[in-house]
Amino acid sequence: MDRLGRYAFTTVRPGAPSGDAEPVPGHVGVRARPAAPGGPARVLPQDDRHADPLFALVPPTRHETLIAVWEESGSYRFDVYIQGEQETVFLAV
């Protein structure tokens, strides 16, 4: 993480092992201060979002907090917000 709170990591794009099944979402664990939300967040590449059954359970106004956006650089961007209007949807564990 840099001094502005930004982070980056490299991984493979999640996918079904056989290539025939539905896409597999990624998961990111977020650890926040005690009073803030946090926990696992589901990450869906923008073109796979409608194939995910959990996506349909999230209110449409919150969908964007689960979507990794394709960038011209050739990578996906997934921003995590701990609080505020754009707060990322975290899964209850």
PDB file of N, CA and C in Angstrom:
ATOM      1  N   MET A   1       0.858  -1.166   0.000  1.00  0.00           N
ATOM      2  CA  MET A   1       0.000   0.000   0.000  1.00  0.00           C
ATOM      3  C   MET A   1       0.906   1.230   0.000  1.00  0.00           C
ATOM      4  N   ASP A   2       0.512   2.239  -0.771  1.00  0.00           N
ATOM      5  CA  ASP A   2       1.315   3.452  -0.778  1.00  0.00           C
ATOM      6  C   ASP A   2       0.793   4.450   0.249  1.00  0.00           C
ATOM      7  N   ARG A   3       1.403   5.602   0.331  1.00  0.00           N
ATOM      8  CA  ARG A   3       1.031   6.587   1.360  1.00  0.00           C
ATOM      9  C   ARG A   3      -0.365   7.173   1.168  1.00  0.00           C
ATOM     10  N   LEU A   4      -0.965   6.986  -0.007  1.00  0.00           N
ATOM     11  CA  LEU A   4      -2.327   7.460  -0.260  1.00  0.00           C
ATOM     12  C   LEU A   4      -3.378   6.377  -0.026  1.00  0.00           C
ATOM     13  N   GLY A   5      -2.941   5.199   0.423  1.00  0.00           N
ATOM     14  CA  GLY A   5      -3.872   4.111   0.688  1.00  0.00           C
ATOM     15  C   GLY A   5      -4.188   3.255  -0.514  1.00  0.00           C
ATOM     16  N   ARG A   6      -3.457   3.457  -1.612  1.00  0.00           N
ATOM     17  CA  ARG A   6      -3.698   2.647  -2.811  1.00  0.00           C
ATOM     18  C   ARG A   6      -2.886   1.369  -2.734  1.00  0.00           C
ATOM     19  N   TYR A   7      -3.402   0.322  -3.320  1.00  0.00           N
ATOM     20  CA  TYR A   7      -2.715  -0.957  -3.344  1.00  0.00           C
ATOM     21  C   TYR A   7      -2.851  -1.550  -4.739  1.00  0.00           C
ATOM     22  N   ALA A   8      -2.020  -2.499  -5.028  1.00  0.00           N
ATOM     23  CA  ALA A   8      -2.126  -3.219  -6.295  1.00  0.00           C
ATOM     24  C   ALA A   8      -1.565  -4.614  -6.085  1.00  0.00           C
ATOM     25  N   PHE A   9      -2.130  -5.572  -6.790  1.00  0.00           N
ATOM     26  CA  PHE A   9      -1.581  -6.919  -6.780  1.00  0.00           C
ATOM     27  C   PHE A   9      -1.880  -7.560  -8.116  1.00  0.00           C
ATOM     28  N   THR A  10      -1.147  -8.591  -8.420  1.00  0.00           N
ATOM     29  CA  THR A  10      -1.313  -9.300  -9.684  1.00  0.00           C
ATOM     30  C   THR A  10      -1.739 -10.725  -9.390  1.00  0.00           C
ATOM     31  N   THR A  11      -2.716 -11.204 -10.134  1.00  0.00           N
ATOM     32  CA  THR A  11      -3.195 -12.576  -9.992  1.00  0.00           C
ATOM     33  C   THR A  11      -3.738 -13.023 -11.349  1.00  0.00           C
ATOM     34  N   VAL A  12      -4.113 -14.262 -11.442  1.00  0.00           N
ATOM     35  CA  VAL A  12      -4.754 -14.740 -12.663  1.00  0.00           C
ATOM     36  C   VAL A  12      -6.235 -14.408 -12.574  1.00  0.00           C
ATOM     37  N   ARG A  13      -6.889 -14.296 -13.710  1.00  0.00           N
ATOM     38  CA  ARG A  13      -8.322 -14.053 -13.720  1.00  0.00           C
ATOM     39  C   ARG A  13      -9.026 -15.326 -13.283  1.00  0.00           C
ATOM     40  N   PRO A  14      -9.924 -15.237 -12.287  1.00  0.00           N
ATOM     41  CA  PRO A  14     -10.653 -16.432 -11.868  1.00  0.00           C
ATOM     42  C   PRO A  14     -11.478 -16.986 -13.025  1.00  0.00           C
ATOM     43  N   GLY A  15     -11.599 -18.289 -13.077  1.00  0.00           N
ATOM     44  CA  GLY A  15     -12.405 -18.896 -14.122  1.00  0.00           C
ATOM     45  C   GLY A  15     -12.698 -20.340 -13.799  1.00  0.00           C
ATOM     46  N   ALA A  16     -13.621 -20.889 -14.499  1.00  0.00           N
ATOM     47  CA  ALA A  16     -13.979 -22.293 -14.298  1.00  0.00           C
ATOM     48  C   ALA A  16     -12.835 -23.176 -14.782  1.00  0.00           C
ATOM     49  N   PRO A  17     -12.477 -24.209 -14.013  1.00  0.00           N
ATOM     50  CA  PRO A  17     -11.361 -25.067 -14.400  1.00  0.00           C
ATOM     51  C   PRO A  17     -11.508 -25.696 -15.783  1.00  0.00           C
ATOM     52  N   SER A  18     -12.715 -26.093 -16.162  1.00  0.00           N
ATOM     53  CA  SER A  18     -12.909 -26.750 -17.453  1.00  0.00           C
ATOM     54  C   SER A  18     -13.129 -25.761 -18.590  1.00  0.00           C
ATOM     55  N   GLY A  19     -13.451 -24.527 -18.227  1.00  0.00           N
ATOM     56  CA  GLY A  19     -13.756 -23.526 -19.242  1.00  0.00           C
ATOM     57  C   GLY A  19     -15.196 -23.596 -19.722  1.00  0.00           C
ATOM     58  N   ASP A  20     -15.936 -24.634 -19.301  1.00  0.00           N
ATOM     59  CA  ASP A  20     -17.313 -24.802 -19.755  1.00  0.00           C
ATOM     60  C   ASP A  20     -18.346 -24.325 -18.737  1.00  0.00           C
ATOM     61  N   ALA A  21     -17.969 -24.309 -17.468  1.00  0.00           N
ATOM     62  CA  ALA A  21     -18.916 -23.959 -16.412  1.00  0.00           C
ATOM     63  C   ALA A  21     -19.012 -22.439 -16.265  1.00  0.00           C
ATOM     64  N   GLU A  22     -19.875 -22.005 -15.352  1.00  0.00           N
ATOM     65  CA  GLU A  22     -20.031 -20.580 -15.099  1.00  0.00           C
ATOM     66  C   GLU A  22     -18.733 -19.999 -14.555  1.00  0.00           C
ATOM     67  N   PRO A  23     -18.489 -18.711 -14.786  1.00  0.00           N
ATOM     68  CA  PRO A  23     -17.283 -18.066 -14.273  1.00  0.00           C
ATOM     69  C   PRO A  23     -17.216 -18.147 -12.753  1.00  0.00           C
ATOM     70  N   VAL A  24     -16.019 -18.163 -12.237  1.00  0.00           N
ATOM     71  CA  VAL A  24     -15.789 -18.217 -10.792  1.00  0.00           C
ATOM     72  C   VAL A  24     -15.387 -16.818 -10.339  1.00  0.00           C
ATOM     73  N   PRO A  25     -16.090 -16.244  -9.357  1.00  0.00           N
ATOM     74  CA  PRO A  25     -15.717 -14.906  -8.900  1.00  0.00           C
ATOM     75  C   PRO A  25     -14.441 -14.959  -8.067  1.00  0.00           C
ATOM     76  N   GLY A  26     -13.787 -13.833  -7.976  1.00  0.00           N
ATOM     77  CA  GLY A  26     -12.646 -13.708  -7.081  1.00  0.00           C
ATOM     78  C   GLY A  26     -13.138 -13.189  -5.745  1.00  0.00           C
ATOM     79  N   HIS A  27     -12.336 -13.315  -4.725  1.00  0.00           N
ATOM     80  CA  HIS A  27     -12.673 -12.791  -3.410  1.00  0.00           C
ATOM     81  C   HIS A  27     -11.476 -12.038  -2.858  1.00  0.00           C
ATOM     82  N   VAL A  28     -11.751 -10.914  -2.219  1.00  0.00           N
ATOM     83  CA  VAL A  28     -10.716 -10.094  -1.611  1.00  0.00           C
ATOM     84  C   VAL A  28     -11.077  -9.941  -0.153  1.00  0.00           C
ATOM     85  N   GLY A  29     -10.133 -10.210   0.737  1.00  0.00           N
ATOM     86  CA  GLY A  29     -10.361 -10.008   2.165  1.00  0.00           C
ATOM     87  C   GLY A  29      -9.895  -8.622   2.556  1.00  0.00           C
ATOM     88  N   VAL A  30     -10.738  -7.902   3.271  1.00  0.00           N
ATOM     89  CA  VAL A  30     -10.408  -6.542   3.696  1.00  0.00           C
ATOM     90  C   VAL A  30     -10.462  -6.487   5.211  1.00  0.00           C
ATOM     91  N   ARG A  31      -9.402  -6.012   5.785  1.00  0.00           N
ATOM     92  CA  ARG A  31      -9.351  -5.869   7.237  1.00  0.00           C
ATOM     93  C   ARG A  31      -9.359  -4.380   7.540  1.00  0.00           C
ATOM     94  N   ALA A  32     -10.374  -3.926   8.261  1.00  0.00           N
ATOM     95  CA  ALA A  32     -10.535  -2.506   8.563  1.00  0.00           C
ATOM     96  C   ALA A  32     -10.448  -2.286  10.067  1.00  0.00           C
ATOM     97  N   ARG A  33     -10.423  -1.043  10.445  1.00  0.00           N
ATOM     98  CA  ARG A  33     -10.393  -0.737  11.884  1.00  0.00           C
ATOM     99  C   ARG A  33     -11.678  -1.280  12.532  1.00  0.00           C
ATOM    100  N   PRO A  34     -11.675  -1.505  13.830  1.00  0.00           N
ATOM    101  CA  PRO A  34     -12.807  -2.170  14.492  1.00  0.00           C
ATOM    102  C   PRO A  34     -14.183  -1.577  14.232  1.00  0.00           C
ATOM    103  N   ALA A  35     -14.319  -0.264  14.119  1.00  0.00           N
ATOM    104  CA  ALA A  35     -15.643   0.339  13.945  1.00  0.00           C
ATOM    105  C   ALA A  35     -16.105   0.348  12.490  1.00  0.00           C
ATOM    106  N   ALA A  36     -15.229   0.014  11.566  1.00  0.00           N
ATOM    107  CA  ALA A  36     -15.575   0.065  10.144  1.00  0.00           C
ATOM    108  C   ALA A  36     -15.938  -1.323   9.638  1.00  0.00           C
ATOM    109  N   PRO A  37     -16.725  -1.370   8.553  1.00  0.00           N
ATOM    110  CA  PRO A  37     -17.038  -2.675   7.970  1.00  0.00           C
ATOM    111  C   PRO A  37     -15.790  -3.289   7.339  1.00  0.00           C
ATOM    112  N   GLY A  38     -15.885  -4.489   6.993  1.00  0.00           N
ATOM    113  CA  GLY A  38     -14.773  -5.174   6.344  1.00  0.00           C
ATOM    114  C   GLY A  38     -15.113  -6.645   6.258  1.00  0.00           C
ATOM    115  N   GLY A  39     -14.247  -7.421   5.685  1.00  0.00           N
ATOM    116  CA  GLY A  39     -14.479  -8.841   5.522  1.00  0.00           C
ATOM    117  C   GLY A  39     -14.258  -9.213   4.078  1.00  0.00           C
ATOM    118  N   PRO A  40     -14.781 -10.347   3.659  1.00  0.00           N
ATOM    119  CA  PRO A  40     -14.599 -10.738   2.265  1.00  0.00           C
ATOM    120  C   PRO A  40     -15.509  -9.939   1.332  1.00  0.00           C
ATOM    121  N   ALA A  41     -14.969  -9.579   0.195  1.00  0.00           N
ATOM    122  CA  ALA A  41     -15.744  -8.915  -0.858  1.00  0.00           C
ATOM    123  C   ALA A  41     -15.635  -9.768  -2.106  1.00  0.00           C
ATOM    124  N   ARG A  42     -16.721  -9.919  -2.794  1.00  0.00           N
ATOM    125  CA  ARG A  42     -16.753 -10.704  -4.026  1.00  0.00           C
ATOM    126  C   ARG A  42     -16.384  -9.791  -5.188  1.00  0.00           C
ATOM    127  N   VAL A  43     -15.501 -10.246  -6.050  1.00  0.00           N
ATOM    128  CA  VAL A  43     -15.043  -9.458  -7.188  1.00  0.00           C
ATOM    129  C   VAL A  43     -15.481 -10.143  -8.472  1.00  0.00           C
ATOM    130  N   LEU A  44     -16.222  -9.425  -9.297  1.00  0.00           N
ATOM    131  CA  LEU A  44     -16.736  -9.985 -10.548  1.00  0.00           C
ATOM    132  C   LEU A  44     -16.222  -9.179 -11.734  1.00  0.00           C
ATOM    133  N   PRO A  45     -15.494  -9.803 -12.656  1.00  0.00           N
ATOM    134  CA  PRO A  45     -15.132  -9.082 -13.877  1.00  0.00           C
ATOM    135  C   PRO A  45     -16.410  -8.570 -14.550  1.00  0.00           C
ATOM    136  N   GLN A  46     -16.373  -7.379 -15.094  1.00  0.00           N
ATOM    137  CA  GLN A  46     -17.597  -6.738 -15.598  1.00  0.00           C
ATOM    138  C   GLN A  46     -18.362  -7.574 -16.600  1.00  0.00           C
ATOM    139  N   ASP A  47     -17.689  -8.400 -17.388  1.00  0.00           N
ATOM    140  CA  ASP A  47     -18.405  -9.201 -18.383  1.00  0.00           C
ATOM    141  C   ASP A  47     -18.968 -10.499 -17.811  1.00  0.00           C
ATOM    142  N   ASP A  48     -18.641 -10.852 -16.571  1.00  0.00           N
ATOM    143  CA  ASP A  48     -19.138 -12.078 -15.949  1.00  0.00           C
ATOM    144  C   ASP A  48     -20.207 -11.827 -14.888  1.00  0.00           C
ATOM    145  N   ARG A  49     -20.513 -10.597 -14.617  1.00  0.00           N
ATOM    146  CA  ARG A  49     -21.364 -10.281 -13.464  1.00  0.00           C
ATOM    147  C   ARG A  49     -22.740 -10.919 -13.493  1.00  0.00           C
ATOM    148  N   HIS A  50     -23.371 -11.018 -14.637  1.00  0.00           N
ATOM    149  CA  HIS A  50     -24.743 -11.535 -14.681  1.00  0.00           C
ATOM    150  C   HIS A  50     -24.812 -13.055 -14.554  1.00  0.00           C
ATOM    151  N   ALA A  51     -23.678 -13.725 -14.655  1.00  0.00           N
ATOM    152  CA  ALA A  51     -23.650 -15.177 -14.497  1.00  0.00           C
ATOM    153  C   ALA A  51     -23.521 -15.584 -13.034  1.00  0.00           C
ATOM    154  N   ASP A  52     -23.329 -14.635 -12.129  1.00  0.00           N
ATOM    155  CA  ASP A  52     -23.111 -14.943 -10.723  1.00  0.00           C
ATOM    156  C   ASP A  52     -24.424 -14.877  -9.943  1.00  0.00           C
ATOM    157  N   PRO A  53     -24.803 -15.968  -9.247  1.00  0.00           N
ATOM    158  CA  PRO A  53     -26.085 -15.975  -8.529  1.00  0.00           C
ATOM    159  C   PRO A  53     -26.145 -14.982  -7.363  1.00  0.00           C
ATOM    160  N   LEU A  54     -25.024 -14.708  -6.721  1.00  0.00           N
ATOM    161  CA  LEU A  54     -25.023 -13.762  -5.606  1.00  0.00           C
ATOM    162  C   LEU A  54     -25.278 -12.330  -6.095  1.00  0.00           C
ATOM    163  N   PHE A  55     -24.826 -12.036  -7.292  1.00  0.00           N
ATOM    164  CA  PHE A  55     -25.002 -10.696  -7.854  1.00  0.00           C
ATOM    165  C   PHE A  55     -26.476 -10.302  -7.872  1.00  0.00           C
ATOM    166  N   ALA A  56     -27.343 -11.244  -8.198  1.00  0.00           N
ATOM    167  CA  ALA A  56     -28.778 -10.972  -8.269  1.00  0.00           C
ATOM    168  C   ALA A  56     -29.384 -10.665  -6.900  1.00  0.00           C
ATOM    169  N   LEU A  57     -28.729 -11.086  -5.823  1.00  0.00           N
ATOM    170  CA  LEU A  57     -29.238 -10.846  -4.474  1.00  0.00           C
ATOM    171  C   LEU A  57     -28.887  -9.461  -3.938  1.00  0.00           C
ATOM    172  N   VAL A  58     -27.943  -8.806  -4.577  1.00  0.00           N
ATOM    173  CA  VAL A  58     -27.498  -7.480  -4.146  1.00  0.00           C
ATOM    174  C   VAL A  58     -28.373  -6.430  -4.826  1.00  0.00           C
ATOM    175  N   PRO A  59     -28.828  -5.416  -4.075  1.00  0.00           N
ATOM    176  CA  PRO A  59     -29.653  -4.379  -4.698  1.00  0.00           C
ATOM    177  C   PRO A  59     -28.927  -3.740  -5.889  1.00  0.00           C
ATOM    178  N   PRO A  60     -29.651  -3.481  -6.977  1.00  0.00           N
ATOM    179  CA  PRO A  60     -29.028  -2.908  -8.174  1.00  0.00           C
ATOM    180  C   PRO A  60     -28.206  -1.644  -7.906  1.00  0.00           C
ATOM    181  N   THR A  61     -28.620  -0.851  -6.935  1.00  0.00           N
ATOM    182  CA  THR A  61     -27.871   0.380  -6.632  1.00  0.00           C
ATOM    183  C   THR A  61     -26.494   0.085  -6.046  1.00  0.00           C
ATOM    184  N   ARG A  62     -26.238  -1.162  -5.640  1.00  0.00           N
ATOM    185  CA  ARG A  62     -24.955  -1.552  -5.028  1.00  0.00           C
ATOM    186  C   ARG A  62     -24.114  -2.430  -5.953  1.00  0.00           C
ATOM    187  N   HIS A  63     -24.631  -2.781  -7.130  1.00  0.00           N
ATOM    188  CA  HIS A  63     -23.919  -3.671  -8.052  1.00  0.00           C
ATOM    189  C   HIS A  63     -22.515  -3.193  -8.382  1.00  0.00           C
ATOM    190  N   GLU A  64     -22.354  -1.915  -8.630  1.00  0.00           N
ATOM    191  CA  GLU A  64     -21.057  -1.403  -9.063  1.00  0.00           C
ATOM    192  C   GLU A  64     -19.952  -1.662  -8.043  1.00  0.00           C
ATOM    193  N   THR A  65     -20.313  -1.871  -6.772  1.00  0.00           N
ATOM    194  CA  THR A  65     -19.283  -2.109  -5.752  1.00  0.00           C
ATOM    195  C   THR A  65     -18.691  -3.517  -5.838  1.00  0.00           C
ATOM    196  N   LEU A  66     -19.245  -4.358  -6.687  1.00  0.00           N
ATOM    197  CA  LEU A  66     -18.768  -5.735  -6.848  1.00  0.00           C
ATOM    198  C   LEU A  66     -18.046  -5.976  -8.177  1.00  0.00           C
ATOM    199  N   ILE A  67     -17.977  -4.964  -9.020  1.00  0.00           N
ATOM    200  CA  ILE A  67     -17.503  -5.171 -10.385  1.00  0.00           C
ATOM    201  C   ILE A  67     -16.079  -4.657 -10.585  1.00  0.00           C
ATOM    202  N   ALA A  68     -15.237  -5.532 -11.114  1.00  0.00           N
ATOM    203  CA  ALA A  68     -13.892  -5.147 -11.520  1.00  0.00           C
ATOM    204  C   ALA A  68     -13.988  -4.629 -12.955  1.00  0.00           C
ATOM    205  N   VAL A  69     -13.474  -3.449 -13.183  1.00  0.00           N
ATOM    206  CA  VAL A  69     -13.598  -2.770 -14.474  1.00  0.00           C
ATOM    207  C   VAL A  69     -12.341  -2.975 -15.316  1.00  0.00           C
ATOM    208  N   TRP A  70     -12.533  -3.333 -16.583  1.00  0.00           N
ATOM    209  CA  TRP A  70     -11.413  -3.537 -17.510  1.00  0.00           C
ATOM    210  C   TRP A  70     -10.812  -2.182 -17.865  1.00  0.00           C
ATOM    211  N   GLU A  71      -9.509  -2.079 -17.749  1.00  0.00           N
ATOM    212  CA  GLU A  71      -8.786  -0.854 -18.062  1.00  0.00           C
ATOM    213  C   GLU A  71      -8.047  -1.005 -19.387  1.00  0.00           C
ATOM    214  N   GLU A  72      -7.785   0.095 -20.047  1.00  0.00           N
ATOM    215  CA  GLU A  72      -7.041   0.063 -21.304  1.00  0.00           C
ATOM    216  C   GLU A  72      -5.628  -0.486 -21.130  1.00  0.00           C
ATOM    217  N   SER A  73      -5.123  -0.456 -19.917  1.00  0.00           N
ATOM    218  CA  SER A  73      -3.772  -0.964 -19.637  1.00  0.00           C
ATOM    219  C   SER A  73      -3.697  -2.485 -19.760  1.00  0.00           C
ATOM    220  N   GLY A  74      -4.873  -3.135 -19.882  1.00  0.00           N
ATOM    221  CA  GLY A  74      -4.896  -4.585 -19.999  1.00  0.00           C
ATOM    222  C   GLY A  74      -5.086  -5.288 -18.671  1.00  0.00           C
ATOM    223  N   SER A  75      -5.604  -4.569 -17.677  1.00  0.00           N
ATOM    224  CA  SER A  75      -5.853  -5.178 -16.375  1.00  0.00           C
ATOM    225  C   SER A  75      -7.222  -4.725 -15.868  1.00  0.00           C
ATOM    226  N   TYR A  76      -7.676  -5.376 -14.800  1.00  0.00           N
ATOM    227  CA  TYR A  76      -8.925  -4.995 -14.160  1.00  0.00           C
ATOM    228  C   TYR A  76      -8.628  -4.095 -12.973  1.00  0.00           C
ATOM    229  N   ARG A  77      -9.543  -3.172 -12.695  1.00  0.00           N
ATOM    230  CA  ARG A  77      -9.434  -2.318 -11.509  1.00  0.00           C
ATOM    231  C   ARG A  77     -10.632  -2.595 -10.611  1.00  0.00           C
ATOM    232  N   PHE A  78     -10.353  -2.858  -9.339  1.00  0.00           N
ATOM    233  CA  PHE A  78     -11.411  -3.074  -8.360  1.00  0.00           C
ATOM    234  C   PHE A  78     -11.096  -2.196  -7.157  1.00  0.00           C
ATOM    235  N   ASP A  79     -11.886  -1.150  -6.978  1.00  0.00           N
ATOM    236  CA  ASP A  79     -11.683  -0.223  -5.873  1.00  0.00           C
ATOM    237  C   ASP A  79     -12.507  -0.686  -4.673  1.00  0.00           C
ATOM    238  N   VAL A  80     -11.899  -0.656  -3.497  1.00  0.00           N
ATOM    239  CA  VAL A  80     -12.579  -1.030  -2.257  1.00  0.00           C
ATOM    240  C   VAL A  80     -12.803   0.233  -1.449  1.00  0.00           C
ATOM    241  N   TYR A  81     -14.055   0.454  -1.046  1.00  0.00           N
ATOM    242  CA  TYR A  81     -14.397   1.591  -0.202  1.00  0.00           C
ATOM    243  C   TYR A  81     -14.921   1.053   1.123  1.00  0.00           C
ATOM    244  N   ILE A  82     -14.313   1.494   2.207  1.00  0.00           N
ATOM    245  CA  ILE A  82     -14.672   1.008   3.540  1.00  0.00           C
ATOM    246  C   ILE A  82     -15.946   1.671   4.056  1.00  0.00           C
ATOM    247  N   GLN A  83     -16.206   2.893   3.631  1.00  0.00           N
ATOM    248  CA  GLN A  83     -17.415   3.580   4.083  1.00  0.00           C
ATOM    249  C   GLN A  83     -17.818   4.640   3.071  1.00  0.00           C
ATOM    250  N   GLY A  84     -18.985   5.205   3.262  1.00  0.00           N
ATOM    251  CA  GLY A  84     -19.477   6.248   2.370  1.00  0.00           C
ATOM    252  C   GLY A  84     -20.457   5.701   1.339  1.00  0.00           C
ATOM    253  N   GLU A  85     -20.868   6.573   0.425  1.00  0.00           N
ATOM    254  CA  GLU A  85     -21.868   6.214  -0.586  1.00  0.00           C
ATOM    255  C   GLU A  85     -21.453   5.041  -1.457  1.00  0.00           C
ATOM    256  N   GLN A  86     -20.174   4.927  -1.745  1.00  0.00           N
ATOM    257  CA  GLN A  86     -19.674   3.864  -2.614  1.00  0.00           C
ATOM    258  C   GLN A  86     -19.178   2.648  -1.829  1.00  0.00           C
ATOM    259  N   GLU A  87     -19.538   2.552  -0.559  1.00  0.00           N
ATOM    260  CA  GLU A  87     -19.025   1.465   0.283  1.00  0.00           C
ATOM    261  C   GLU A  87     -19.179   0.108  -0.406  1.00  0.00           C
ATOM    262  N   THR A  88     -18.108  -0.645  -0.431  1.00  0.00           N
ATOM    263  CA  THR A  88     -18.090  -1.962  -1.032  1.00  0.00           C
ATOM    264  C   THR A  88     -19.033  -2.896  -0.276  1.00  0.00           C
ATOM    265  N   VAL A  89     -19.749  -3.736  -0.995  1.00  0.00           N
ATOM    266  CA  VAL A  89     -20.606  -4.742  -0.362  1.00  0.00           C
ATOM    267  C   VAL A  89     -19.686  -5.852   0.165  1.00  0.00           C
ATOM    268  N   PHE A  90     -19.733  -6.069   1.478  1.00  0.00           N
ATOM    269  CA  PHE A  90     -18.952  -7.145   2.100  1.00  0.00           C
ATOM    270  C   PHE A  90     -19.882  -8.290   2.452  1.00  0.00           C
ATOM    271  N   LEU A  91     -19.369  -9.488   2.358  1.00  0.00           N
ATOM    272  CA  LEU A  91     -20.166 -10.684   2.658  1.00  0.00           C
ATOM    273  C   LEU A  91     -20.127 -10.971   4.148  1.00  0.00           C
ATOM    274  N   ALA A  92     -21.234 -11.379   4.713  1.00  0.00           N
ATOM    275  CA  ALA A  92     -21.273 -11.790   6.113  1.00  0.00           C
ATOM    276  C   ALA A  92     -20.675 -13.178   6.224  1.00  0.00           C
ATOM    277  N   VAL A  93     -19.815 -13.366   7.188  1.00  0.00           N
ATOM    278  CA  VAL A  93     -19.207 -14.690   7.384  1.00  0.00           C
ATOM    279  C   VAL A  93     -19.575 -15.261   8.718  1.00  0.00           C
TER     280      VAL A  93
END
